[in-house]
N, C-alpha and C. Protein backbone atom coordinates (compact mmCIF):
# COMPACT_ATOMS: atom_id res chain seq x y z
N MET A 1 -53.35 100.49 -114.90
CA MET A 1 -54.47 100.57 -114.41
C MET A 1 -54.87 100.62 -113.33
N THR A 2 -55.28 101.96 -112.69
CA THR A 2 -55.55 102.24 -111.22
C THR A 2 -56.85 101.29 -110.80
N VAL A 3 -56.69 101.11 -109.34
CA VAL A 3 -58.12 100.55 -108.87
C VAL A 3 -58.86 100.99 -109.03
N ARG A 4 -59.26 102.42 -109.13
CA ARG A 4 -60.48 103.25 -109.07
C ARG A 4 -60.93 103.00 -110.79
N ASP A 5 -60.05 102.94 -111.73
CA ASP A 5 -60.38 102.38 -112.86
C ASP A 5 -60.83 101.14 -113.07
N LEU A 6 -59.96 99.85 -112.12
CA LEU A 6 -60.83 98.58 -112.35
C LEU A 6 -62.07 98.54 -112.13
N ILE A 7 -62.38 99.43 -110.76
CA ILE A 7 -63.88 99.15 -110.30
C ILE A 7 -64.82 100.24 -111.16
N ALA A 8 -64.48 101.08 -111.32
CA ALA A 8 -65.28 101.73 -112.57
C ALA A 8 -65.62 100.79 -114.02
N GLY A 9 -64.59 100.29 -114.41
CA GLY A 9 -64.91 99.14 -115.54
C GLY A 9 -66.30 98.17 -115.36
N LYS A 10 -65.66 97.39 -113.42
CA LYS A 10 -66.39 96.20 -113.30
C LYS A 10 -67.65 96.70 -113.37
N LEU A 11 -67.99 97.86 -112.84
CA LEU A 11 -69.16 97.97 -112.71
C LEU A 11 -70.17 98.81 -113.85
N THR A 12 -69.19 99.26 -114.67
CA THR A 12 -70.01 99.91 -115.82
C THR A 12 -70.60 98.28 -116.70
N THR A 13 -69.36 97.50 -116.61
CA THR A 13 -69.71 96.03 -117.42
C THR A 13 -70.95 95.34 -116.56
N ALA A 14 -71.40 95.50 -115.08
CA ALA A 14 -72.14 94.75 -114.53
C ALA A 14 -73.45 95.35 -114.47
N PHE A 15 -73.31 96.99 -114.73
CA PHE A 15 -74.65 97.80 -114.15
C PHE A 15 -74.99 98.28 -115.44
N ALA A 16 -74.20 98.79 -116.32
CA ALA A 16 -74.59 99.59 -117.36
C ALA A 16 -75.23 101.28 -116.70
N PRO A 17 -74.32 101.73 -115.95
CA PRO A 17 -75.18 103.05 -115.04
C PRO A 17 -74.96 104.03 -115.96
N GLU A 18 -76.35 104.73 -115.73
CA GLU A 18 -76.77 106.05 -116.44
C GLU A 18 -75.58 107.09 -115.68
N ARG A 19 -75.24 107.07 -114.26
CA ARG A 19 -74.41 107.65 -113.76
C ARG A 19 -73.84 106.66 -112.29
N LEU A 20 -72.03 107.11 -112.43
CA LEU A 20 -71.17 106.38 -111.98
C LEU A 20 -70.03 107.56 -112.02
N GLU A 21 -69.86 107.39 -110.33
CA GLU A 21 -68.40 108.18 -109.86
C GLU A 21 -67.97 107.02 -108.69
N VAL A 22 -66.68 107.42 -108.87
CA VAL A 22 -65.66 106.49 -107.88
C VAL A 22 -64.52 106.98 -108.02
N LEU A 23 -64.94 107.67 -106.50
CA LEU A 23 -63.60 108.50 -105.62
C LEU A 23 -62.57 107.68 -104.96
N ASP A 24 -61.00 107.97 -105.19
CA ASP A 24 -60.57 107.23 -104.20
C ASP A 24 -60.17 108.36 -102.89
N GLU A 25 -60.87 107.72 -101.77
CA GLU A 25 -60.64 108.79 -100.47
C GLU A 25 -59.81 108.03 -99.36
N SER A 26 -58.79 107.42 -100.11
CA SER A 26 -57.39 106.94 -99.25
C SER A 26 -56.66 108.05 -98.61
N HIS A 27 -56.63 109.20 -99.20
CA HIS A 27 -55.71 110.33 -98.45
C HIS A 27 -56.48 110.93 -97.32
N ARG A 28 -57.66 110.66 -97.12
CA ARG A 28 -58.49 111.06 -95.91
C ARG A 28 -58.37 109.68 -94.96
N HIS A 29 -57.72 108.61 -94.98
CA HIS A 29 -57.57 107.63 -93.98
C HIS A 29 -56.03 107.17 -93.85
N VAL A 30 -55.09 108.20 -93.73
CA VAL A 30 -54.06 108.28 -93.77
C VAL A 30 -53.64 107.82 -92.42
N GLY A 31 -53.14 106.64 -91.68
CA GLY A 31 -53.21 106.13 -90.20
C GLY A 31 -54.15 105.41 -89.81
N HIS A 32 -55.21 104.96 -90.43
CA HIS A 32 -56.25 104.35 -89.98
C HIS A 32 -55.90 103.10 -90.87
N ALA A 33 -56.65 102.01 -90.66
CA ALA A 33 -56.83 100.68 -90.48
C ALA A 33 -57.03 100.30 -91.99
N GLY A 34 -56.15 99.50 -92.66
CA GLY A 34 -56.69 99.28 -93.92
C GLY A 34 -55.24 100.06 -94.93
N HIS A 35 -54.96 101.27 -94.35
CA HIS A 35 -54.10 102.04 -95.16
C HIS A 35 -53.15 101.60 -95.61
N ARG A 36 -52.48 101.94 -96.93
CA ARG A 36 -50.75 101.21 -97.53
C ARG A 36 -50.68 102.96 -98.20
N PRO A 37 -49.03 102.75 -98.17
CA PRO A 37 -48.48 103.95 -98.61
C PRO A 37 -49.03 103.79 -100.39
N GLY A 38 -49.38 104.72 -100.80
CA GLY A 38 -49.47 104.87 -102.22
C GLY A 38 -51.15 104.83 -102.26
N GLY A 39 -51.95 104.45 -101.31
CA GLY A 39 -53.83 105.06 -101.47
C GLY A 39 -54.00 103.57 -101.95
N GLU A 40 -55.04 104.00 -102.96
CA GLU A 40 -56.53 102.83 -103.19
C GLU A 40 -56.63 101.87 -102.34
N THR A 41 -57.11 102.15 -101.36
CA THR A 41 -57.78 101.31 -100.38
C THR A 41 -59.06 101.50 -99.89
N HIS A 42 -59.14 103.04 -100.01
CA HIS A 42 -60.30 103.66 -99.55
C HIS A 42 -61.33 104.13 -100.97
N PHE A 43 -62.55 103.65 -100.90
CA PHE A 43 -63.25 104.26 -102.26
C PHE A 43 -64.85 104.58 -101.61
N ARG A 44 -65.10 105.63 -102.66
CA ARG A 44 -66.40 105.93 -102.52
C ARG A 44 -67.07 106.02 -103.62
N VAL A 45 -68.34 104.92 -104.24
CA VAL A 45 -69.07 105.04 -105.36
C VAL A 45 -70.57 105.51 -104.83
N HIS A 46 -70.59 106.37 -106.58
CA HIS A 46 -72.32 106.73 -106.18
C HIS A 46 -72.48 106.25 -107.63
N ILE A 47 -73.64 105.16 -107.53
CA ILE A 47 -74.21 104.52 -108.82
C ILE A 47 -75.46 104.65 -109.09
N VAL A 48 -76.14 105.06 -110.50
CA VAL A 48 -77.52 105.26 -110.45
C VAL A 48 -77.42 104.27 -112.13
N SER A 49 -78.62 103.09 -111.84
CA SER A 49 -79.07 102.48 -112.64
C SER A 49 -79.86 101.47 -112.63
N ASP A 50 -80.31 101.40 -113.64
CA ASP A 50 -81.98 100.42 -113.72
C ASP A 50 -81.88 99.13 -112.80
N SER A 51 -80.45 98.61 -112.88
CA SER A 51 -80.40 97.42 -112.20
C SER A 51 -81.12 97.28 -110.43
N PHE A 52 -81.03 98.35 -110.03
CA PHE A 52 -81.17 98.82 -108.61
C PHE A 52 -82.85 98.92 -108.29
N ARG A 53 -83.63 99.04 -109.73
CA ARG A 53 -85.03 99.56 -109.57
C ARG A 53 -85.71 98.23 -108.57
N GLY A 54 -86.37 98.45 -107.52
CA GLY A 54 -87.10 97.47 -106.99
C GLY A 54 -86.32 96.62 -106.09
N LYS A 55 -85.16 96.87 -105.57
CA LYS A 55 -84.29 96.56 -105.09
C LYS A 55 -84.04 97.03 -103.55
N SER A 56 -83.91 96.43 -102.41
CA SER A 56 -84.01 96.98 -101.12
C SER A 56 -82.20 97.68 -101.13
N ARG A 57 -81.66 98.71 -99.99
CA ARG A 57 -80.52 99.31 -100.01
C ARG A 57 -79.52 97.86 -99.60
N LEU A 58 -80.02 97.10 -99.08
CA LEU A 58 -78.94 95.88 -98.65
C LEU A 58 -78.62 94.97 -99.99
N GLU A 59 -79.70 95.03 -100.88
CA GLU A 59 -79.90 93.84 -102.19
C GLU A 59 -78.59 95.10 -102.94
N ARG A 60 -78.87 95.80 -102.99
CA ARG A 60 -77.90 96.60 -103.73
C ARG A 60 -76.57 96.96 -103.64
N HIS A 61 -76.36 97.01 -101.97
CA HIS A 61 -74.78 96.92 -101.63
C HIS A 61 -74.30 95.44 -102.09
N ARG A 62 -75.06 94.55 -101.83
CA ARG A 62 -74.49 93.17 -102.30
C ARG A 62 -74.33 92.86 -103.39
N MET A 63 -75.19 93.51 -104.65
CA MET A 63 -74.45 93.54 -105.80
C MET A 63 -73.54 93.96 -106.19
N VAL A 64 -73.15 95.18 -105.46
CA VAL A 64 -72.42 95.72 -105.64
C VAL A 64 -70.93 95.51 -105.49
N ASN A 65 -71.03 94.81 -104.06
CA ASN A 65 -69.92 94.20 -103.52
C ASN A 65 -69.61 92.60 -104.23
N ALA A 66 -71.09 92.23 -104.80
CA ALA A 66 -70.47 91.03 -105.48
C ALA A 66 -69.66 91.02 -106.78
N ALA A 67 -70.02 92.19 -107.29
CA ALA A 67 -69.61 92.74 -108.63
C ALA A 67 -67.62 92.82 -108.40
N LEU A 68 -67.44 93.29 -107.42
CA LEU A 68 -66.34 94.07 -106.82
C LEU A 68 -65.50 92.84 -106.10
N SER A 69 -65.82 91.77 -105.84
CA SER A 69 -65.50 91.05 -104.90
C SER A 69 -63.92 90.69 -105.05
N GLY A 70 -63.44 90.48 -106.17
CA GLY A 70 -61.82 90.59 -106.22
C GLY A 70 -61.30 91.81 -105.57
N GLU A 71 -61.71 92.85 -105.66
CA GLU A 71 -60.92 93.94 -105.57
C GLU A 71 -61.33 93.99 -103.74
N LEU A 72 -62.38 93.49 -103.29
CA LEU A 72 -62.75 93.89 -101.81
C LEU A 72 -62.34 92.55 -100.97
N ALA A 73 -61.36 91.56 -101.71
CA ALA A 73 -60.97 90.29 -101.23
C ALA A 73 -59.30 90.82 -101.27
N GLY A 74 -58.86 91.62 -102.26
CA GLY A 74 -57.51 91.87 -102.61
C GLY A 74 -57.07 93.68 -101.77
N GLY A 75 -56.62 94.27 -102.13
CA GLY A 75 -56.21 95.68 -101.40
C GLY A 75 -57.13 96.68 -101.38
N VAL A 76 -58.72 96.54 -101.62
CA VAL A 76 -59.64 97.54 -101.10
C VAL A 76 -60.05 97.25 -99.74
N HIS A 77 -59.89 97.99 -98.81
CA HIS A 77 -60.05 98.31 -97.31
C HIS A 77 -61.29 98.44 -97.33
N ALA A 78 -61.88 99.42 -97.66
CA ALA A 78 -62.95 100.07 -97.44
C ALA A 78 -64.05 100.43 -98.69
N LEU A 79 -65.36 100.34 -98.82
CA LEU A 79 -66.25 101.30 -99.95
C LEU A 79 -67.19 101.12 -99.48
N ALA A 80 -67.31 102.38 -99.60
CA ALA A 80 -68.71 103.27 -99.10
C ALA A 80 -70.01 103.49 -100.33
N ILE A 81 -70.90 103.06 -100.00
CA ILE A 81 -71.42 102.96 -101.84
C ILE A 81 -73.20 103.69 -101.44
N GLN A 82 -73.18 104.18 -102.42
CA GLN A 82 -74.74 104.90 -102.62
C GLN A 82 -74.76 104.44 -104.32
N ALA A 83 -76.27 103.36 -104.14
CA ALA A 83 -76.85 102.86 -105.17
C ALA A 83 -78.54 103.38 -105.56
N ASN A 84 -78.54 103.75 -106.45
CA ASN A 84 -79.91 104.00 -106.42
C ASN A 84 -80.24 103.85 -108.28
N ALA A 85 -81.66 103.65 -108.16
CA ALA A 85 -82.41 103.76 -109.76
C ALA A 85 -83.00 105.02 -109.99
N PRO A 86 -82.42 104.84 -111.36
CA PRO A 86 -83.13 106.47 -112.00
C PRO A 86 -84.03 106.93 -111.36
N GLY A 87 -84.24 108.15 -111.28
CA GLY A 87 -85.78 109.01 -110.46
C GLY A 87 -85.64 109.05 -109.12
N GLU A 88 -84.85 108.06 -108.43
CA GLU A 88 -85.08 108.37 -107.16
C GLU A 88 -83.89 109.31 -106.41
N PRO A 89 -84.67 110.17 -105.03
CA PRO A 89 -83.79 110.82 -104.50
C PRO A 89 -82.03 110.61 -104.67
N GLY A 90 -81.78 111.34 -104.62
CA GLY A 90 -80.06 111.52 -104.85
C GLY A 90 -79.95 110.50 -105.82
N ALA A 91 -80.47 110.49 -106.96
CA ALA A 91 -80.00 109.52 -107.95
C ALA A 91 -79.24 110.44 -108.96
């Protein structure tokens, strides 16, 4: 199982999203801090879930980071997060 699949699975379990995109952008960071041969170090997540309704941007990021704490403590070096509630701009 890839790290991308693991991230998608954990976010699906934690937030039952209406929309979820997990992109491995490691290829864009070759030569930067945290990059490893083989990639799976830099990810971008766009998630839309009712779990984020009424939460600030910081609270949403903390929720996602908590769900992925094992990956962030392990091999994931960077995680860009866009977390929205349904109906919000950008959702």
